[in-house]
Amino acid sequence: MAYASFEDLEVWKRSCRLAVQVYELLKDCRDFGLKDQLCRSAVSVPSNIAEGAERDSKIEFIRFLHIAKGSAAELRTQVYIAQRIGILTSSSQDKLILELKQISAMLQGLINSHKT
């Protein structure tokens, strides 16, 4: 897939929307430690996509896509924990997990497309 900038990548757009969603869901959360961790992980996904894309190296881009994918997995884990301790509803958890799985699959597809 050809693109002019990371802003053109659908996976970057979706991961940005997800980060905003996480912030909105946690705006009233008083567990500042977990809230901070969730928000950091959420922001890390699109940030690493952008950073890798701007490195002007296929190898570096792939490396940062892997980091973004790891951050998505980290966020999924934190979402499960947040739901179990009552910070997120089951409905919110389900929506976030579904979106994170789709973002991870998109990242893997992008990684695979750049390996060839």
PDB file of N, CA and C in Angstrom:
ATOM      1  N   MET A   1       0.834  -1.185   0.000  1.00  0.00           N
ATOM      2  CA  MET A   1       0.000   0.000   0.000  1.00  0.00           C
ATOM      3  C   MET A   1       0.878   1.246   0.000  1.00  0.00           C
ATOM      4  N   ALA A   2       0.684   2.101  -0.951  1.00  0.00           N
ATOM      5  CA  ALA A   2       1.434   3.351  -1.015  1.00  0.00           C
ATOM      6  C   ALA A   2       0.740   4.403  -0.149  1.00  0.00           C
ATOM      7  N   TYR A   3       1.548   5.197   0.511  1.00  0.00           N
ATOM      8  CA  TYR A   3       1.002   6.276   1.324  1.00  0.00           C
ATOM      9  C   TYR A   3       2.021   7.413   1.348  1.00  0.00           C
ATOM     10  N   ALA A   4       1.527   8.617   1.476  1.00  0.00           N
ATOM     11  CA  ALA A   4       2.404   9.782   1.489  1.00  0.00           C
ATOM     12  C   ALA A   4       2.910  10.086   2.899  1.00  0.00           C
ATOM     13  N   SER A   5       2.085   9.790   3.881  1.00  0.00           N
ATOM     14  CA  SER A   5       2.422  10.109   5.268  1.00  0.00           C
ATOM     15  C   SER A   5       1.706   9.130   6.198  1.00  0.00           C
ATOM     16  N   PHE A   6       2.215   9.009   7.405  1.00  0.00           N
ATOM     17  CA  PHE A   6       1.571   8.108   8.366  1.00  0.00           C
ATOM     18  C   PHE A   6       0.120   8.486   8.612  1.00  0.00           C
ATOM     19  N   GLU A   7      -0.223   9.781   8.439  1.00  0.00           N
ATOM     20  CA  GLU A   7      -1.609  10.208   8.636  1.00  0.00           C
ATOM     21  C   GLU A   7      -2.566   9.560   7.631  1.00  0.00           C
ATOM     22  N   ASP A   8      -2.029   9.030   6.547  1.00  0.00           N
ATOM     23  CA  ASP A   8      -2.847   8.351   5.541  1.00  0.00           C
ATOM     24  C   ASP A   8      -3.174   6.910   5.924  1.00  0.00           C
ATOM     25  N   LEU A   9      -2.442   6.361   6.885  1.00  0.00           N
ATOM     26  CA  LEU A   9      -2.621   4.953   7.264  1.00  0.00           C
ATOM     27  C   LEU A   9      -3.873   4.764   8.122  1.00  0.00           C
ATOM     28  N   GLU A  10      -4.746   3.891   7.686  1.00  0.00           N
ATOM     29  CA  GLU A  10      -5.985   3.626   8.430  1.00  0.00           C
ATOM     30  C   GLU A  10      -5.693   3.112   9.838  1.00  0.00           C
ATOM     31  N   VAL A  11      -4.665   2.303   9.988  1.00  0.00           N
ATOM     32  CA  VAL A  11      -4.334   1.773  11.312  1.00  0.00           C
ATOM     33  C   VAL A  11      -3.896   2.898  12.259  1.00  0.00           C
ATOM     34  N   TRP A  12      -3.235   3.906  11.731  1.00  0.00           N
ATOM     35  CA  TRP A  12      -2.857   5.057  12.562  1.00  0.00           C
ATOM     36  C   TRP A  12      -4.106   5.837  12.973  1.00  0.00           C
ATOM     37  N   LYS A  13      -5.016   6.059  12.008  1.00  0.00           N
ATOM     38  CA  LYS A  13      -6.257   6.782  12.306  1.00  0.00           C
ATOM     39  C   LYS A  13      -7.074   6.057  13.372  1.00  0.00           C
ATOM     40  N   ARG A  14      -7.221   4.749  13.199  1.00  0.00           N
ATOM     41  CA  ARG A  14      -8.025   3.974  14.154  1.00  0.00           C
ATOM     42  C   ARG A  14      -7.371   3.940  15.529  1.00  0.00           C
ATOM     43  N   SER A  15      -6.056   3.824  15.576  1.00  0.00           N
ATOM     44  CA  SER A  15      -5.398   3.787  16.880  1.00  0.00           C
ATOM     45  C   SER A  15      -5.443   5.149  17.568  1.00  0.00           C
ATOM     46  N   CYS A  16      -5.446   6.233  16.802  1.00  0.00           N
ATOM     47  CA  CYS A  16      -5.645   7.566  17.404  1.00  0.00           C
ATOM     48  C   CYS A  16      -7.044   7.680  18.002  1.00  0.00           C
ATOM     49  N   ARG A  17      -8.051   7.230  17.236  1.00  0.00           N
ATOM     50  CA  ARG A  17      -9.436   7.270  17.751  1.00  0.00           C
ATOM     51  C   ARG A  17      -9.550   6.423  19.018  1.00  0.00           C
ATOM     52  N   LEU A  18      -8.879   5.279  19.034  1.00  0.00           N
ATOM     53  CA  LEU A  18      -8.923   4.420  20.207  1.00  0.00           C
ATOM     54  C   LEU A  18      -8.293   5.110  21.418  1.00  0.00           C
ATOM     55  N   ALA A  19      -7.177   5.793  21.215  1.00  0.00           N
ATOM     56  CA  ALA A  19      -6.528   6.506  22.322  1.00  0.00           C
ATOM     57  C   ALA A  19      -7.460   7.563  22.904  1.00  0.00           C
ATOM     58  N   VAL A  20      -8.145   8.290  22.042  1.00  0.00           N
ATOM     59  CA  VAL A  20      -9.115   9.296  22.503  1.00  0.00           C
ATOM     60  C   VAL A  20     -10.236   8.620  23.284  1.00  0.00           C
ATOM     61  N   GLN A  21     -10.705   7.486  22.776  1.00  0.00           N
ATOM     62  CA  GLN A  21     -11.766   6.726  23.459  1.00  0.00           C
ATOM     63  C   GLN A  21     -11.330   6.323  24.861  1.00  0.00           C
ATOM     64  N   VAL A  22     -10.100   5.842  24.986  1.00  0.00           N
ATOM     65  CA  VAL A  22      -9.582   5.431  26.300  1.00  0.00           C
ATOM     66  C   VAL A  22      -9.573   6.622  27.245  1.00  0.00           C
ATOM     67  N   TYR A  23      -9.076   7.746  26.795  1.00  0.00           N
ATOM     68  CA  TYR A  23      -9.078   8.951  27.631  1.00  0.00           C
ATOM     69  C   TYR A  23     -10.497   9.327  28.052  1.00  0.00           C
ATOM     70  N   GLU A  24     -11.435   9.269  27.121  1.00  0.00           N
ATOM     71  CA  GLU A  24     -12.817   9.632  27.444  1.00  0.00           C
ATOM     72  C   GLU A  24     -13.432   8.667  28.451  1.00  0.00           C
ATOM     73  N   LEU A  25     -13.183   7.372  28.279  1.00  0.00           N
ATOM     74  CA  LEU A  25     -13.735   6.376  29.205  1.00  0.00           C
ATOM     75  C   LEU A  25     -13.169   6.529  30.612  1.00  0.00           C
ATOM     76  N   LEU A  26     -11.950   7.028  30.710  1.00  0.00           N
ATOM     77  CA  LEU A  26     -11.275   7.103  32.011  1.00  0.00           C
ATOM     78  C   LEU A  26     -11.254   8.505  32.611  1.00  0.00           C
ATOM     79  N   LYS A  27     -11.993   9.434  32.022  1.00  0.00           N
ATOM     80  CA  LYS A  27     -11.898  10.825  32.484  1.00  0.00           C
ATOM     81  C   LYS A  27     -12.257  10.995  33.967  1.00  0.00           C
ATOM     82  N   ASP A  28     -13.124  10.142  34.496  1.00  0.00           N
ATOM     83  CA  ASP A  28     -13.511  10.256  35.902  1.00  0.00           C
ATOM     84  C   ASP A  28     -12.844   9.205  36.788  1.00  0.00           C
ATOM     85  N   CYS A  29     -11.915   8.456  36.236  1.00  0.00           N
ATOM     86  CA  CYS A  29     -11.248   7.385  36.985  1.00  0.00           C
ATOM     87  C   CYS A  29     -10.340   7.977  38.058  1.00  0.00           C
ATOM     88  N   ARG A  30     -10.461   7.454  39.269  1.00  0.00           N
ATOM     89  CA  ARG A  30      -9.652   7.938  40.392  1.00  0.00           C
ATOM     90  C   ARG A  30      -8.444   7.042  40.665  1.00  0.00           C
ATOM     91  N   ASP A  31      -8.353   5.917  39.961  1.00  0.00           N
ATOM     92  CA  ASP A  31      -7.177   5.043  40.081  1.00  0.00           C
ATOM     93  C   ASP A  31      -6.130   5.584  39.118  1.00  0.00           C
ATOM     94  N   PHE A  32      -5.358   6.543  39.599  1.00  0.00           N
ATOM     95  CA  PHE A  32      -4.462   7.287  38.719  1.00  0.00           C
ATOM     96  C   PHE A  32      -3.328   6.436  38.160  1.00  0.00           C
ATOM     97  N   GLY A  33      -2.900   5.438  38.903  1.00  0.00           N
ATOM     98  CA  GLY A  33      -1.829   4.574  38.413  1.00  0.00           C
ATOM     99  C   GLY A  33      -2.258   3.772  37.197  1.00  0.00           C
ATOM    100  N   LEU A  34      -3.381   3.076  37.309  1.00  0.00           N
ATOM    101  CA  LEU A  34      -3.859   2.273  36.189  1.00  0.00           C
ATOM    102  C   LEU A  34      -4.323   3.170  35.038  1.00  0.00           C
ATOM    103  N   LYS A  35      -4.979   4.282  35.377  1.00  0.00           N
ATOM    104  CA  LYS A  35      -5.417   5.229  34.346  1.00  0.00           C
ATOM    105  C   LYS A  35      -4.219   5.711  33.532  1.00  0.00           C
ATOM    106  N   ASP A  36      -3.148   6.079  34.207  1.00  0.00           N
ATOM    107  CA  ASP A  36      -1.942   6.542  33.528  1.00  0.00           C
ATOM    108  C   ASP A  36      -1.372   5.450  32.627  1.00  0.00           C
ATOM    109  N   GLN A  37      -1.332   4.230  33.113  1.00  0.00           N
ATOM    110  CA  GLN A  37      -0.787   3.122  32.334  1.00  0.00           C
ATOM    111  C   GLN A  37      -1.635   2.845  31.093  1.00  0.00           C
ATOM    112  N   LEU A  38      -2.955   2.837  31.255  1.00  0.00           N
ATOM    113  CA  LEU A  38      -3.861   2.629  30.125  1.00  0.00           C
ATOM    114  C   LEU A  38      -3.682   3.728  29.076  1.00  0.00           C
ATOM    115  N   CYS A  39      -3.630   4.953  29.515  1.00  0.00           N
ATOM    116  CA  CYS A  39      -3.495   6.075  28.585  1.00  0.00           C
ATOM    117  C   CYS A  39      -2.147   6.054  27.877  1.00  0.00           C
ATOM    118  N   ARG A  40      -1.090   5.729  28.607  1.00  0.00           N
ATOM    119  CA  ARG A  40       0.241   5.655  27.994  1.00  0.00           C
ATOM    120  C   ARG A  40       0.294   4.560  26.928  1.00  0.00           C
ATOM    121  N   SER A  41      -0.268   3.409  27.229  1.00  0.00           N
ATOM    122  CA  SER A  41      -0.289   2.320  26.254  1.00  0.00           C
ATOM    123  C   SER A  41      -1.097   2.704  25.026  1.00  0.00           C
ATOM    124  N   ALA A  42      -2.244   3.346  25.256  1.00  0.00           N
ATOM    125  CA  ALA A  42      -3.114   3.744  24.146  1.00  0.00           C
ATOM    126  C   ALA A  42      -2.414   4.745  23.227  1.00  0.00           C
ATOM    127  N   VAL A  43      -1.731   5.711  23.798  1.00  0.00           N
ATOM    128  CA  VAL A  43      -1.032   6.721  23.012  1.00  0.00           C
ATOM    129  C   VAL A  43       0.194   6.127  22.311  1.00  0.00           C
ATOM    130  N   SER A  44       0.775   5.115  22.903  1.00  0.00           N
ATOM    131  CA  SER A  44       1.964   4.488  22.349  1.00  0.00           C
ATOM    132  C   SER A  44       1.724   3.834  20.986  1.00  0.00           C
ATOM    133  N   VAL A  45       0.522   3.306  20.763  1.00  0.00           N
ATOM    134  CA  VAL A  45       0.249   2.606  19.507  1.00  0.00           C
ATOM    135  C   VAL A  45       0.384   3.554  18.312  1.00  0.00           C
ATOM    136  N   PRO A  46      -0.413   4.628  18.210  1.00  0.00           N
ATOM    137  CA  PRO A  46      -0.257   5.511  17.046  1.00  0.00           C
ATOM    138  C   PRO A  46       1.077   6.249  17.039  1.00  0.00           C
ATOM    139  N   SER A  47       1.621   6.527  18.211  1.00  0.00           N
ATOM    140  CA  SER A  47       2.905   7.236  18.275  1.00  0.00           C
ATOM    141  C   SER A  47       4.025   6.416  17.647  1.00  0.00           C
ATOM    142  N   ASN A  48       4.043   5.119  17.918  1.00  0.00           N
ATOM    143  CA  ASN A  48       5.082   4.268  17.340  1.00  0.00           C
ATOM    144  C   ASN A  48       4.885   4.053  15.847  1.00  0.00           C
ATOM    145  N   ILE A  49       3.642   4.000  15.404  1.00  0.00           N
ATOM    146  CA  ILE A  49       3.383   3.916  13.961  1.00  0.00           C
ATOM    147  C   ILE A  49       3.968   5.156  13.283  1.00  0.00           C
ATOM    148  N   ALA A  50       3.674   6.322  13.842  1.00  0.00           N
ATOM    149  CA  ALA A  50       4.157   7.578  13.272  1.00  0.00           C
ATOM    150  C   ALA A  50       5.679   7.655  13.305  1.00  0.00           C
ATOM    151  N   GLU A  51       6.262   7.322  14.434  1.00  0.00           N
ATOM    152  CA  GLU A  51       7.715   7.413  14.551  1.00  0.00           C
ATOM    153  C   GLU A  51       8.408   6.485  13.562  1.00  0.00           C
ATOM    154  N   GLY A  52       7.916   5.268  13.456  1.00  0.00           N
ATOM    155  CA  GLY A  52       8.519   4.325  12.513  1.00  0.00           C
ATOM    156  C   GLY A  52       8.397   4.779  11.077  1.00  0.00           C
ATOM    157  N   ALA A  53       7.250   5.325  10.730  1.00  0.00           N
ATOM    158  CA  ALA A  53       7.023   5.784   9.354  1.00  0.00           C
ATOM    159  C   ALA A  53       7.954   6.929   8.989  1.00  0.00           C
ATOM    160  N   GLU A  54       8.313   7.736   9.957  1.00  0.00           N
ATOM    161  CA  GLU A  54       9.160   8.896   9.699  1.00  0.00           C
ATOM    162  C   GLU A  54      10.649   8.574   9.738  1.00  0.00           C
ATOM    163  N   ARG A  55      11.002   7.348  10.023  1.00  0.00           N
ATOM    164  CA  ARG A  55      12.408   6.962  10.106  1.00  0.00           C
ATOM    165  C   ARG A  55      13.068   6.782   8.739  1.00  0.00           C
ATOM    166  N   ASP A  56      12.286   6.731   7.675  1.00  0.00           N
ATOM    167  CA  ASP A  56      12.812   6.568   6.314  1.00  0.00           C
ATOM    168  C   ASP A  56      13.645   5.309   6.142  1.00  0.00           C
ATOM    169  N   SER A  57      13.246   4.255   6.842  1.00  0.00           N
ATOM    170  CA  SER A  57      13.926   2.971   6.731  1.00  0.00           C
ATOM    171  C   SER A  57      12.886   1.872   6.894  1.00  0.00           C
ATOM    172  N   LYS A  58      12.848   0.963   5.947  1.00  0.00           N
ATOM    173  CA  LYS A  58      11.885  -0.136   6.015  1.00  0.00           C
ATOM    174  C   LYS A  58      12.104  -0.970   7.284  1.00  0.00           C
ATOM    175  N   ILE A  59      13.348  -1.244   7.606  1.00  0.00           N
ATOM    176  CA  ILE A  59      13.668  -2.043   8.796  1.00  0.00           C
ATOM    177  C   ILE A  59      13.207  -1.333  10.067  1.00  0.00           C
ATOM    178  N   GLU A  60      13.463  -0.034  10.141  1.00  0.00           N
ATOM    179  CA  GLU A  60      13.034   0.739  11.309  1.00  0.00           C
ATOM    180  C   GLU A  60      11.513   0.809  11.396  1.00  0.00           C
ATOM    181  N   PHE A  61      10.846   0.992  10.244  1.00  0.00           N
ATOM    182  CA  PHE A  61       9.387   1.045  10.241  1.00  0.00           C
ATOM    183  C   PHE A  61       8.826  -0.263  10.774  1.00  0.00           C
ATOM    184  N   ILE A  62       9.339  -1.377  10.304  1.00  0.00           N
ATOM    185  CA  ILE A  62       8.873  -2.688  10.781  1.00  0.00           C
ATOM    186  C   ILE A  62       9.115  -2.828  12.276  1.00  0.00           C
ATOM    187  N   ARG A  63      10.278  -2.384  12.738  1.00  0.00           N
ATOM    188  CA  ARG A  63      10.597  -2.471  14.178  1.00  0.00           C
ATOM    189  C   ARG A  63       9.586  -1.683  15.006  1.00  0.00           C
ATOM    190  N   PHE A  64       9.255  -0.480  14.560  1.00  0.00           N
ATOM    191  CA  PHE A  64       8.299   0.337  15.312  1.00  0.00           C
ATOM    192  C   PHE A  64       6.870  -0.198  15.189  1.00  0.00           C
ATOM    193  N   LEU A  65       6.543  -0.834  14.084  1.00  0.00           N
ATOM    194  CA  LEU A  65       5.233  -1.484  13.978  1.00  0.00           C
ATOM    195  C   LEU A  65       5.127  -2.622  14.990  1.00  0.00           C
ATOM    196  N   HIS A  66       6.214  -3.352  15.181  1.00  0.00           N
ATOM    197  CA  HIS A  66       6.226  -4.408  16.204  1.00  0.00           C
ATOM    198  C   HIS A  66       6.048  -3.811  17.607  1.00  0.00           C
ATOM    199  N   ILE A  67       6.680  -2.684  17.851  1.00  0.00           N
ATOM    200  CA  ILE A  67       6.531  -2.015  19.148  1.00  0.00           C
ATOM    201  C   ILE A  67       5.079  -1.570  19.335  1.00  0.00           C
ATOM    202  N   ALA A  68       4.473  -1.015  18.290  1.00  0.00           N
ATOM    203  CA  ALA A  68       3.064  -0.604  18.353  1.00  0.00           C
ATOM    204  C   ALA A  68       2.174  -1.802  18.643  1.00  0.00           C
ATOM    205  N   LYS A  69       2.471  -2.922  17.999  1.00  0.00           N
ATOM    206  CA  LYS A  69       1.688  -4.141  18.217  1.00  0.00           C
ATOM    207  C   LYS A  69       1.837  -4.617  19.669  1.00  0.00           C
ATOM    208  N   GLY A  70       3.033  -4.506  20.207  1.00  0.00           N
ATOM    209  CA  GLY A  70       3.253  -4.853  21.610  1.00  0.00           C
ATOM    210  C   GLY A  70       2.477  -3.937  22.545  1.00  0.00           C
ATOM    211  N   SER A  71       2.436  -2.660  22.223  1.00  0.00           N
ATOM    212  CA  SER A  71       1.667  -1.712  23.044  1.00  0.00           C
ATOM    213  C   SER A  71       0.176  -2.026  22.987  1.00  0.00           C
ATOM    214  N   ALA A  72      -0.307  -2.465  21.824  1.00  0.00           N
ATOM    215  CA  ALA A  72      -1.716  -2.857  21.708  1.00  0.00           C
ATOM    216  C   ALA A  72      -2.007  -4.066  22.591  1.00  0.00           C
ATOM    217  N   ALA A  73      -1.088  -5.016  22.642  1.00  0.00           N
ATOM    218  CA  ALA A  73      -1.263  -6.189  23.508  1.00  0.00           C
ATOM    219  C   ALA A  73      -1.208  -5.791  24.983  1.00  0.00           C
ATOM    220  N   GLU A  74      -0.307  -4.867  25.306  1.00  0.00           N
ATOM    221  CA  GLU A  74      -0.216  -4.356  26.674  1.00  0.00           C
ATOM    222  C   GLU A  74      -1.533  -3.686  27.071  1.00  0.00           C
ATOM    223  N   LEU A  75      -2.080  -2.879  26.176  1.00  0.00           N
ATOM    224  CA  LEU A  75      -3.344  -2.200  26.449  1.00  0.00           C
ATOM    225  C   LEU A  75      -4.479  -3.207  26.604  1.00  0.00           C
ATOM    226  N   ARG A  76      -4.505  -4.243  25.778  1.00  0.00           N
ATOM    227  CA  ARG A  76      -5.544  -5.273  25.925  1.00  0.00           C
ATOM    228  C   ARG A  76      -5.494  -5.885  27.321  1.00  0.00           C
ATOM    229  N   THR A  77      -4.307  -6.186  27.797  1.00  0.00           N
ATOM    230  CA  THR A  77      -4.155  -6.759  29.133  1.00  0.00           C
ATOM    231  C   THR A  77      -4.686  -5.799  30.197  1.00  0.00           C
ATOM    232  N   GLN A  78      -4.342  -4.537  30.069  1.00  0.00           N
ATOM    233  CA  GLN A  78      -4.784  -3.534  31.039  1.00  0.00           C
ATOM    234  C   GLN A  78      -6.293  -3.333  30.994  1.00  0.00           C
ATOM    235  N   VAL A  79      -6.893  -3.444  29.812  1.00  0.00           N
ATOM    236  CA  VAL A  79      -8.349  -3.332  29.676  1.00  0.00           C
ATOM    237  C   VAL A  79      -9.032  -4.472  30.424  1.00  0.00           C
ATOM    238  N   TYR A  80      -8.506  -5.695  30.262  1.00  0.00           N
ATOM    239  CA  TYR A  80      -9.074  -6.840  31.001  1.00  0.00           C
ATOM    240  C   TYR A  80      -9.008  -6.595  32.513  1.00  0.00           C
ATOM    241  N   ILE A  81      -7.878  -6.108  32.977  1.00  0.00           N
ATOM    242  CA  ILE A  81      -7.707  -5.846  34.408  1.00  0.00           C
ATOM    243  C   ILE A  81      -8.660  -4.739  34.858  1.00  0.00           C
ATOM    244  N   ALA A  82      -8.742  -3.661  34.076  1.00  0.00           N
ATOM    245  CA  ALA A  82      -9.611  -2.533  34.436  1.00  0.00           C
ATOM    246  C   ALA A  82     -11.069  -2.967  34.542  1.00  0.00           C
ATOM    247  N   GLN A  83     -11.493  -3.852  33.672  1.00  0.00           N
ATOM    248  CA  GLN A  83     -12.880  -4.337  33.748  1.00  0.00           C
ATOM    249  C   GLN A  83     -13.070  -5.194  34.999  1.00  0.00           C
ATOM    250  N   ARG A  84     -12.116  -6.042  35.296  1.00  0.00           N
ATOM    251  CA  ARG A  84     -12.251  -6.948  36.445  1.00  0.00           C
ATOM    252  C   ARG A  84     -12.262  -6.219  37.778  1.00  0.00           C
ATOM    253  N   ILE A  85     -11.626  -5.051  37.832  1.00  0.00           N
ATOM    254  CA  ILE A  85     -11.641  -4.309  39.097  1.00  0.00           C
ATOM    255  C   ILE A  85     -12.680  -3.191  39.106  1.00  0.00           C
ATOM    256  N   GLY A  86     -13.520  -3.151  38.062  1.00  0.00           N
ATOM    257  CA  GLY A  86     -14.658  -2.246  38.054  1.00  0.00           C
ATOM    258  C   GLY A  86     -14.423  -0.870  37.472  1.00  0.00           C
ATOM    259  N   ILE A  87     -13.290  -0.653  36.821  1.00  0.00           N
ATOM    260  CA  ILE A  87     -13.025   0.650  36.221  1.00  0.00           C
ATOM    261  C   ILE A  87     -13.734   0.781  34.875  1.00  0.00           C
ATOM    262  N   LEU A  88     -13.814  -0.324  34.128  1.00  0.00           N
ATOM    263  CA  LEU A  88     -14.505  -0.341  32.842  1.00  0.00           C
ATOM    264  C   LEU A  88     -15.682  -1.301  32.902  1.00  0.00           C
ATOM    265  N   THR A  89     -16.723  -0.992  32.174  1.00  0.00           N
ATOM    266  CA  THR A  89     -17.859  -1.904  32.073  1.00  0.00           C
ATOM    267  C   THR A  89     -17.501  -3.048  31.123  1.00  0.00           C
ATOM    268  N   SER A  90     -18.267  -4.122  31.195  1.00  0.00           N
ATOM    269  CA  SER A  90     -18.058  -5.246  30.270  1.00  0.00           C
ATOM    270  C   SER A  90     -18.256  -4.804  28.831  1.00  0.00           C
ATOM    271  N   SER A  91     -19.222  -3.946  28.608  1.00  0.00           N
ATOM    272  CA  SER A  91     -19.499  -3.441  27.262  1.00  0.00           C
ATOM    273  C   SER A  91     -18.307  -2.645  26.720  1.00  0.00           C
ATOM    274  N   SER A  92     -17.770  -1.759  27.540  1.00  0.00           N
ATOM    275  CA  SER A  92     -16.606  -0.970  27.129  1.00  0.00           C
ATOM    276  C   SER A  92     -15.410  -1.882  26.867  1.00  0.00           C
ATOM    277  N   GLN A  93     -15.229  -2.853  27.742  1.00  0.00           N
ATOM    278  CA  GLN A  93     -14.126  -3.808  27.554  1.00  0.00           C
ATOM    279  C   GLN A  93     -14.266  -4.520  26.215  1.00  0.00           C
ATOM    280  N   ASP A  94     -15.455  -5.035  25.940  1.00  0.00           N
ATOM    281  CA  ASP A  94     -15.673  -5.799  24.706  1.00  0.00           C
ATOM    282  C   ASP A  94     -15.367  -4.955  23.468  1.00  0.00           C
ATOM    283  N   LYS A  95     -15.817  -3.697  23.473  1.00  0.00           N
ATOM    284  CA  LYS A  95     -15.583  -2.817  22.324  1.00  0.00           C
ATOM    285  C   LYS A  95     -14.097  -2.511  22.152  1.00  0.00           C
ATOM    286  N   LEU A  96     -13.419  -2.220  23.260  1.00  0.00           N
ATOM    287  CA  LEU A  96     -11.991  -1.917  23.192  1.00  0.00           C
ATOM    288  C   LEU A  96     -11.187  -3.135  22.740  1.00  0.00           C
ATOM    289  N   ILE A  97     -11.511  -4.285  23.286  1.00  0.00           N
ATOM    290  CA  ILE A  97     -10.775  -5.510  22.930  1.00  0.00           C
ATOM    291  C   ILE A  97     -10.961  -5.831  21.451  1.00  0.00           C
ATOM    292  N   LEU A  98     -12.170  -5.715  20.954  1.00  0.00           N
ATOM    293  CA  LEU A  98     -12.422  -5.981  19.541  1.00  0.00           C
ATOM    294  C   LEU A  98     -11.602  -5.033  18.665  1.00  0.00           C
ATOM    295  N   GLU A  99     -11.633  -3.758  18.993  1.00  0.00           N
ATOM    296  CA  GLU A  99     -10.881  -2.779  18.208  1.00  0.00           C
ATOM    297  C   GLU A  99      -9.375  -3.044  18.307  1.00  0.00           C
ATOM    298  N   LEU A 100      -8.891  -3.382  19.476  1.00  0.00           N
ATOM    299  CA  LEU A 100      -7.463  -3.666  19.638  1.00  0.00           C
ATOM    300  C   LEU A 100      -7.037  -4.894  18.847  1.00  0.00           C
ATOM    301  N   LYS A 101      -7.877  -5.909  18.820  1.00  0.00           N
ATOM    302  CA  LYS A 101      -7.548  -7.101  18.026  1.00  0.00           C
ATOM    303  C   LYS A 101      -7.499  -6.760  16.543  1.00  0.00           C
ATOM    304  N   GLN A 102      -8.423  -5.918  16.092  1.00  0.00           N
ATOM    305  CA  GLN A 102      -8.424  -5.514  14.689  1.00  0.00           C
ATOM    306  C   GLN A 102      -7.203  -4.653  14.367  1.00  0.00           C
ATOM    307  N   ILE A 103      -6.845  -3.761  15.255  1.00  0.00           N
ATOM    308  CA  ILE A 103      -5.655  -2.929  15.062  1.00  0.00           C
ATOM    309  C   ILE A 103      -4.406  -3.807  15.022  1.00  0.00           C
ATOM    310  N   SER A 104      -4.317  -4.772  15.903  1.00  0.00           N
ATOM    311  CA  SER A 104      -3.170  -5.692  15.900  1.00  0.00           C
ATOM    312  C   SER A 104      -3.075  -6.457  14.589  1.00  0.00           C
ATOM    313  N   ALA A 105      -4.210  -6.902  14.084  1.00  0.00           N
ATOM    314  CA  ALA A 105      -4.226  -7.620  12.799  1.00  0.00           C
ATOM    315  C   ALA A 105      -3.788  -6.689  11.665  1.00  0.00           C
ATOM    316  N   MET A 106      -4.235  -5.447  11.708  1.00  0.00           N
ATOM    317  CA  MET A 106      -3.826  -4.475  10.692  1.00  0.00           C
ATOM    318  C   MET A 106      -2.323  -4.213  10.769  1.00  0.00           C
ATOM    319  N   LEU A 107      -1.808  -4.095  11.978  1.00  0.00           N
ATOM    320  CA  LEU A 107      -0.371  -3.898  12.143  1.00  0.00           C
ATOM    321  C   LEU A 107       0.409  -5.085  11.589  1.00  0.00           C
ATOM    322  N   GLN A 108      -0.069  -6.293  11.866  1.00  0.00           N
ATOM    323  CA  GLN A 108       0.604  -7.481  11.350  1.00  0.00           C
ATOM    324  C   GLN A 108       0.562  -7.495   9.821  1.00  0.00           C
ATOM    325  N   GLY A 109      -0.558  -7.106   9.251  1.00  0.00           N
ATOM    326  CA  GLY A 109      -0.661  -7.022   7.800  1.00  0.00           C
ATOM    327  C   GLY A 109       0.319  -6.017   7.215  1.00  0.00           C
ATOM    328  N   LEU A 110       0.470  -4.881   7.891  1.00  0.00           N
ATOM    329  CA  LEU A 110       1.412  -3.857   7.438  1.00  0.00           C
ATOM    330  C   LEU A 110       2.848  -4.364   7.566  1.00  0.00           C
ATOM    331  N   ILE A 111       3.130  -5.042   8.648  1.00  0.00           N
ATOM    332  CA  ILE A 111       4.460  -5.641   8.837  1.00  0.00           C
ATOM    333  C   ILE A 111       4.741  -6.626   7.698  1.00  0.00           C
ATOM    334  N   ASN A 112       3.794  -7.508   7.442  1.00  0.00           N
ATOM    335  CA  ASN A 112       3.975  -8.516   6.389  1.00  0.00           C
ATOM    336  C   ASN A 112       4.176  -7.866   5.021  1.00  0.00           C
ATOM    337  N   SER A 113       3.431  -6.803   4.748  1.00  0.00           N
ATOM    338  CA  SER A 113       3.534  -6.151   3.441  1.00  0.00           C
ATOM    339  C   SER A 113       4.875  -5.458   3.245  1.00  0.00           C
ATOM    340  N   HIS A 114       5.512  -5.058   4.337  1.00  0.00           N
ATOM    341  CA  HIS A 114       6.809  -4.380   4.238  1.00  0.00           C
ATOM    342  C   HIS A 114       7.987  -5.363   4.261  1.00  0.00           C
ATOM    343  N   LYS A 115       7.727  -6.606   4.623  1.00  0.00           N
ATOM    344  CA  LYS A 115       8.788  -7.614   4.638  1.00  0.00           C
ATOM    345  C   LYS A 115       9.112  -8.118   3.248  1.00  0.00           C
ATOM    346  N   THR A 116       8.188  -7.948   2.319  1.00  0.00           N
ATOM    347  CA  THR A 116       8.406  -8.473   0.958  1.00  0.00           C
ATOM    348  C   THR A 116       9.175  -7.515   0.089  1.00  0.00           C
TER     349      THR A 116
END
